[in-house]
Amino acid sequence: MMRHHPQNPRSYPDNPALADILERNIETMAEVRAAEREGATLQDRLAEGLTRFSGNMWFVYVHVAWFGWWIAVNEGWIGRLRFDPFPFGLLTLIVSLEAIFLSTFVLISQNRASAVADMRADLDLQIDLLAEYEVTQVLRLVRAVGEKLSVEQCSTHELEELSRPVVLREILDEMRAKSAAWQR
């Protein structure tokens, strides 16, 4: 839990190095997200903006008002101008075209979000693998120190198993095999 410090409200007075690491990580993530935004093409930004607008209640309000006006005018409730000669055929055409374009914009936004999520997942995996390697090395070191000091229980089966390096290929193969078994 973060503790308040008079000079820096986000610092850890008991561990200033931790505060520096957290600040650096937060800044790095902000830079990565800014680079992702800068890397977006005009088409990506357009699709994202339209998707963001179509995914909120203002989009619904605009459409309710528009459909209400269209129906009221073409039913003769407002004025005498009936511009849709078929029973709402033009409205149906416009709404169908809008649905096609909106679904395309949503798919474009989802593809971009998926690519960003894949990149972040790859980064998470790399960090997890590095942390796993570091923990394995620390366990080996602790076991060696324990053996040197003749500490009992420093060579249990569990410690030996945890001290072995993780072989990613074996884990992936096992995951594929289990996934195939679950799908049957």
Protein backbone atom coordinates (compact mmCIF):
# COMPACT_ATOMS: atom_id res chain seq x y z
CA MET A 1 0.00 0.00 0.00
CA MET A 2 1.31 3.43 -0.91
CA ARG A 3 2.24 5.73 1.94
CA HIS A 4 2.25 9.50 1.74
CA HIS A 5 5.50 11.38 1.93
CA PRO A 6 5.65 15.18 2.37
CA GLN A 7 7.90 15.76 -0.67
CA ASN A 8 6.30 13.17 -2.94
CA PRO A 9 2.80 11.87 -2.22
CA ARG A 10 3.45 8.72 -4.27
CA SER A 11 6.70 7.76 -2.61
CA TYR A 12 7.48 5.03 -0.14
CA PRO A 13 9.42 6.56 2.77
CA ASP A 14 10.45 3.09 3.97
CA ASN A 15 11.75 2.14 0.52
CA PRO A 16 12.62 5.06 -1.79
CA ALA A 17 14.10 2.69 -4.38
CA LEU A 18 10.67 1.06 -4.77
CA ALA A 19 9.10 4.47 -5.34
CA ASP A 20 11.68 5.21 -8.04
CA ILE A 21 11.00 1.89 -9.76
CA LEU A 22 7.24 2.45 -9.65
CA GLU A 23 7.59 5.97 -11.02
CA ARG A 24 9.84 4.71 -13.82
CA ASN A 25 7.39 1.92 -14.69
CA ILE A 26 4.43 4.31 -14.72
CA GLU A 27 6.32 6.72 -16.97
CA THR A 28 7.34 3.88 -19.29
CA MET A 29 3.73 2.67 -19.60
CA ALA A 30 2.54 6.22 -20.30
CA GLU A 31 5.21 6.53 -23.02
CA VAL A 32 4.20 3.18 -24.55
CA ARG A 33 0.54 4.19 -24.66
CA ALA A 34 1.42 7.57 -26.16
CA ALA A 35 3.51 5.78 -28.82
CA GLU A 36 0.57 3.47 -29.56
CA ARG A 37 -1.70 6.50 -30.04
CA GLU A 38 0.90 8.24 -32.23
CA GLY A 39 1.31 5.09 -34.31
CA ALA A 40 -2.38 4.97 -35.15
CA THR A 41 -3.20 5.83 -38.74
CA LEU A 42 -5.91 8.32 -39.68
CA GLN A 43 -8.16 5.38 -40.53
CA ASP A 44 -7.51 3.79 -37.13
CA ARG A 45 -8.30 7.05 -35.33
CA LEU A 46 -11.44 7.56 -37.42
CA ALA A 47 -12.66 4.02 -36.77
CA GLU A 48 -11.87 4.33 -33.07
CA GLY A 49 -13.65 7.69 -32.78
CA LEU A 50 -16.75 6.43 -34.57
CA THR A 51 -16.77 3.27 -32.49
CA ARG A 52 -16.42 5.31 -29.30
CA PHE A 53 -19.32 7.59 -30.34
CA SER A 54 -21.54 4.73 -31.49
CA GLY A 55 -20.93 2.92 -28.21
CA ASN A 56 -22.49 5.56 -25.97
CA MET A 57 -25.97 6.82 -25.15
CA TRP A 58 -25.68 9.99 -27.28
CA PHE A 59 -25.69 7.73 -30.32
CA VAL A 60 -28.96 6.21 -29.11
CA TYR A 61 -30.48 9.64 -28.38
CA VAL A 62 -29.55 10.96 -31.83
CA HIS A 63 -31.07 7.91 -33.49
CA VAL A 64 -34.26 8.02 -31.44
CA ALA A 65 -34.71 11.70 -32.40
CA TRP A 66 -33.85 11.03 -36.05
CA PHE A 67 -36.15 8.00 -36.37
CA GLY A 68 -38.93 9.83 -34.52
CA TRP A 69 -38.62 12.83 -36.85
CA TRP A 70 -38.48 10.61 -39.96
CA ILE A 71 -41.59 8.66 -38.94
CA ALA A 72 -43.49 11.79 -37.90
CA VAL A 73 -42.76 13.57 -41.20
CA ASN A 74 -43.48 10.59 -43.43
CA GLU A 75 -46.68 9.70 -41.60
CA GLY A 76 -47.87 13.29 -42.04
CA TRP A 77 -47.86 14.13 -38.33
CA ILE A 78 -45.48 17.05 -38.95
CA GLY A 79 -46.02 19.17 -42.05
CA ARG A 80 -46.98 17.82 -45.44
CA LEU A 81 -43.59 16.82 -46.82
CA ARG A 82 -43.43 13.05 -47.29
CA PHE A 83 -40.04 12.40 -48.86
CA ASP A 84 -39.90 8.60 -48.41
CA PRO A 85 -42.16 7.30 -51.18
CA PHE A 86 -42.05 3.70 -49.95
CA PRO A 87 -43.25 2.74 -46.49
CA PHE A 88 -39.93 3.59 -44.81
CA GLY A 89 -37.92 1.93 -47.58
CA LEU A 90 -35.38 4.76 -47.74
CA LEU A 91 -35.02 4.76 -43.96
CA THR A 92 -34.44 1.00 -44.03
CA LEU A 93 -31.78 1.39 -46.71
CA ILE A 94 -29.98 4.16 -44.80
CA VAL A 95 -30.09 2.22 -41.51
CA SER A 96 -28.82 -0.94 -43.22
CA LEU A 97 -25.90 0.92 -44.78
CA GLU A 98 -25.14 2.55 -41.44
CA ALA A 99 -25.13 -0.88 -39.76
CA ILE A 100 -22.70 -2.22 -42.36
CA PHE A 101 -20.29 0.69 -41.89
CA LEU A 102 -20.60 0.70 -38.09
CA SER A 103 -19.87 -3.02 -37.87
CA THR A 104 -16.84 -2.51 -40.11
CA PHE A 105 -15.57 0.34 -37.91
CA VAL A 106 -16.09 -1.78 -34.81
CA LEU A 107 -14.13 -4.65 -36.38
CA ILE A 108 -11.29 -2.30 -37.35
CA SER A 109 -11.15 -0.97 -33.77
CA GLN A 110 -11.27 -4.48 -32.36
CA ASN A 111 -8.44 -5.61 -34.64
CA ARG A 112 -6.29 -2.70 -33.48
CA ALA A 113 -7.18 -3.36 -29.83
CA SER A 114 -6.40 -7.04 -30.35
CA ALA A 115 -2.98 -6.21 -31.81
CA VAL A 116 -2.21 -3.96 -28.83
CA ALA A 117 -3.46 -6.65 -26.42
CA ASP A 118 -1.26 -9.25 -28.14
CA MET A 119 1.76 -6.96 -27.79
CA ARG A 120 1.01 -6.45 -24.09
CA ALA A 121 0.49 -10.17 -23.58
CA ASP A 122 3.86 -10.84 -25.22
CA LEU A 123 5.44 -8.26 -22.93
CA ASP A 124 3.77 -9.87 -19.90
CA LEU A 125 5.05 -13.27 -20.99
CA GLN A 126 8.59 -11.97 -21.39
CA ILE A 127 8.50 -10.35 -17.95
CA ASP A 128 7.01 -13.50 -16.41
CA LEU A 129 9.70 -15.66 -18.01
CA LEU A 130 12.41 -13.32 -16.78
CA ALA A 131 10.93 -13.35 -13.28
CA GLU A 132 10.71 -17.16 -13.40
CA TYR A 133 14.36 -17.36 -14.42
CA GLU A 134 15.39 -14.97 -11.66
CA VAL A 135 13.40 -16.89 -9.02
CA THR A 136 14.95 -20.15 -10.21
CA GLN A 137 18.42 -18.65 -9.87
CA VAL A 138 17.62 -17.31 -6.39
CA LEU A 139 16.34 -20.74 -5.33
CA ARG A 140 19.52 -22.36 -6.61
CA LEU A 141 21.58 -19.84 -4.68
CA VAL A 142 19.54 -20.34 -1.50
CA ARG A 143 19.84 -24.13 -1.84
CA ALA A 144 23.60 -23.84 -2.31
CA VAL A 145 23.90 -21.56 0.74
CA GLY A 146 21.72 -23.95 2.74
CA GLU A 147 23.81 -26.94 1.72
CA LYS A 148 27.03 -25.07 2.50
CA LEU A 149 25.68 -24.21 5.97
CA SER A 150 24.36 -27.76 6.42
CA VAL A 151 20.79 -26.60 6.86
CA GLU A 152 18.31 -29.44 6.97
CA GLN A 153 15.46 -29.52 4.47
CA CYS A 154 17.41 -27.48 1.88
CA SER A 155 17.23 -30.33 -0.63
CA THR A 156 13.60 -31.38 -0.58
CA HIS A 157 12.04 -32.74 -3.75
CA GLU A 158 9.88 -29.64 -4.04
CA LEU A 159 12.91 -27.31 -3.85
CA GLU A 160 14.75 -29.40 -6.40
CA GLU A 161 11.76 -29.23 -8.72
CA LEU A 162 11.39 -25.47 -8.28
CA SER A 163 15.12 -24.96 -8.87
CA ARG A 164 14.95 -26.44 -12.36
CA PRO A 165 14.65 -23.99 -15.23
CA VAL A 166 11.26 -23.77 -16.89
CA VAL A 167 11.29 -25.14 -20.43
CA LEU A 168 8.75 -23.07 -22.27
CA ARG A 169 8.42 -25.48 -25.20
CA GLU A 170 7.40 -28.33 -22.86
CA ILE A 171 4.75 -26.16 -21.20
CA LEU A 172 3.35 -25.04 -24.56
CA ASP A 173 3.22 -28.63 -25.83
CA GLU A 174 1.41 -29.75 -22.67
CA MET A 175 -1.04 -26.85 -22.96
CA ARG A 176 -1.79 -27.77 -26.59
CA ALA A 177 -2.32 -31.42 -25.65
CA LYS A 178 -4.69 -30.50 -22.82
CA SER A 179 -6.52 -28.01 -25.02
CA ALA A 180 -7.00 -30.67 -27.69
CA ALA A 181 -8.29 -33.11 -25.03
CA TRP A 182 -10.77 -30.52 -23.70
CA GLN A 183 -12.12 -29.83 -27.19
CA ARG A 184 -13.01 -33.48 -27.76
